Amino acid sequence: MIIRAVLEWDDEVKAFSATCPELNYISSCGDTKEEAIANLKEAIQLLLEPIPEHLVNTDKKFDTVEVVI
């Protein structure tokens, strides 16, 4: 899967930010471009991970799913 990332240098904090507009603007940062991209990849993997079954309550009386956090 190819996902577009926008890399920016923040002169105030002296770090790179990496943002993914296609995935609800999920973002991360790092001291180098490579670190920012690696951190963004990890954030994307966490975002796309399925919710564990023990946290989902599917009550058949409703058409909604309750997520316990």
Protein backbone atom coordinates (compact mmCIF):
# COMPACT_ATOMS: atom_id res chain seq x y z
CA MET A 1 0.00 0.00 0.00
CA ILE A 2 1.31 3.44 -0.90
CA ILE A 3 0.24 6.28 1.38
CA ARG A 4 1.22 9.90 0.81
CA ALA A 5 3.05 11.64 3.64
CA VAL A 6 3.81 15.33 3.97
CA LEU A 7 7.19 16.06 5.58
CA GLU A 8 7.89 19.47 7.09
CA TRP A 9 10.77 20.93 9.04
CA ASP A 10 9.79 22.87 12.18
CA ASP A 11 12.51 25.41 12.86
CA GLU A 12 11.12 26.26 16.29
CA VAL A 13 11.45 22.74 17.71
CA LYS A 14 14.21 21.66 15.30
CA ALA A 15 12.43 18.50 14.20
CA PHE A 16 10.61 17.02 11.21
CA SER A 17 6.88 16.33 11.20
CA ALA A 18 5.29 13.69 9.00
CA THR A 19 1.55 13.88 8.31
CA CYS A 20 -0.73 11.57 6.33
CA PRO A 21 -3.70 13.51 4.91
CA GLU A 22 -5.41 10.34 3.56
CA LEU A 23 -5.63 8.76 7.03
CA ASN A 24 -7.39 11.48 9.00
CA TYR A 25 -4.21 13.57 9.16
CA ILE A 26 -2.42 11.13 11.47
CA SER A 27 1.03 12.50 12.18
CA SER A 28 4.29 11.96 13.99
CA CYS A 29 7.69 13.59 14.28
CA GLY A 30 11.40 12.87 14.51
CA ASP A 31 14.83 14.47 14.62
CA THR A 32 15.53 13.28 11.05
CA LYS A 33 13.34 12.64 7.99
CA GLU A 34 13.94 8.91 8.35
CA GLU A 35 12.94 8.93 12.03
CA ALA A 36 9.79 10.95 11.31
CA ILE A 37 8.78 8.52 8.55
CA ALA A 38 9.50 5.47 10.74
CA ASN A 39 7.42 6.97 13.56
CA LEU A 40 4.60 7.74 11.13
CA LYS A 41 4.65 4.14 9.83
CA GLU A 42 4.31 2.89 13.40
CA ALA A 43 1.41 5.28 14.06
CA ILE A 44 -0.34 4.12 10.87
CA GLN A 45 0.09 0.46 11.85
CA LEU A 46 -1.48 1.20 15.25
CA LEU A 47 -4.34 3.09 13.60
CA LEU A 48 -5.09 0.20 11.24
CA GLU A 49 -4.87 -2.49 13.93
CA PRO A 50 -8.22 -4.15 14.59
CA ILE A 51 -9.92 -3.48 17.93
CA PRO A 52 -9.46 -6.51 20.24
CA GLU A 53 -12.65 -8.57 20.58
CA HIS A 54 -12.72 -8.23 24.38
CA LEU A 55 -13.18 -4.45 23.97
CA VAL A 56 -16.15 -4.72 21.61
CA ASN A 57 -19.69 -5.20 22.91
CA THR A 58 -22.07 -6.15 20.10
CA ASP A 59 -25.52 -5.96 21.64
CA LYS A 60 -28.01 -7.53 19.20
CA LYS A 61 -30.80 -5.12 20.31
CA PHE A 62 -29.11 -2.21 18.53
CA ASP A 63 -27.43 -1.55 15.19
CA THR A 64 -24.46 0.07 16.96
CA VAL A 65 -21.19 -1.24 18.32
CA GLU A 66 -19.94 -0.05 21.68
CA VAL A 67 -16.17 0.25 22.11
CA VAL A 68 -14.83 0.24 25.67
CA ILE A 69 -11.67 2.27 26.16
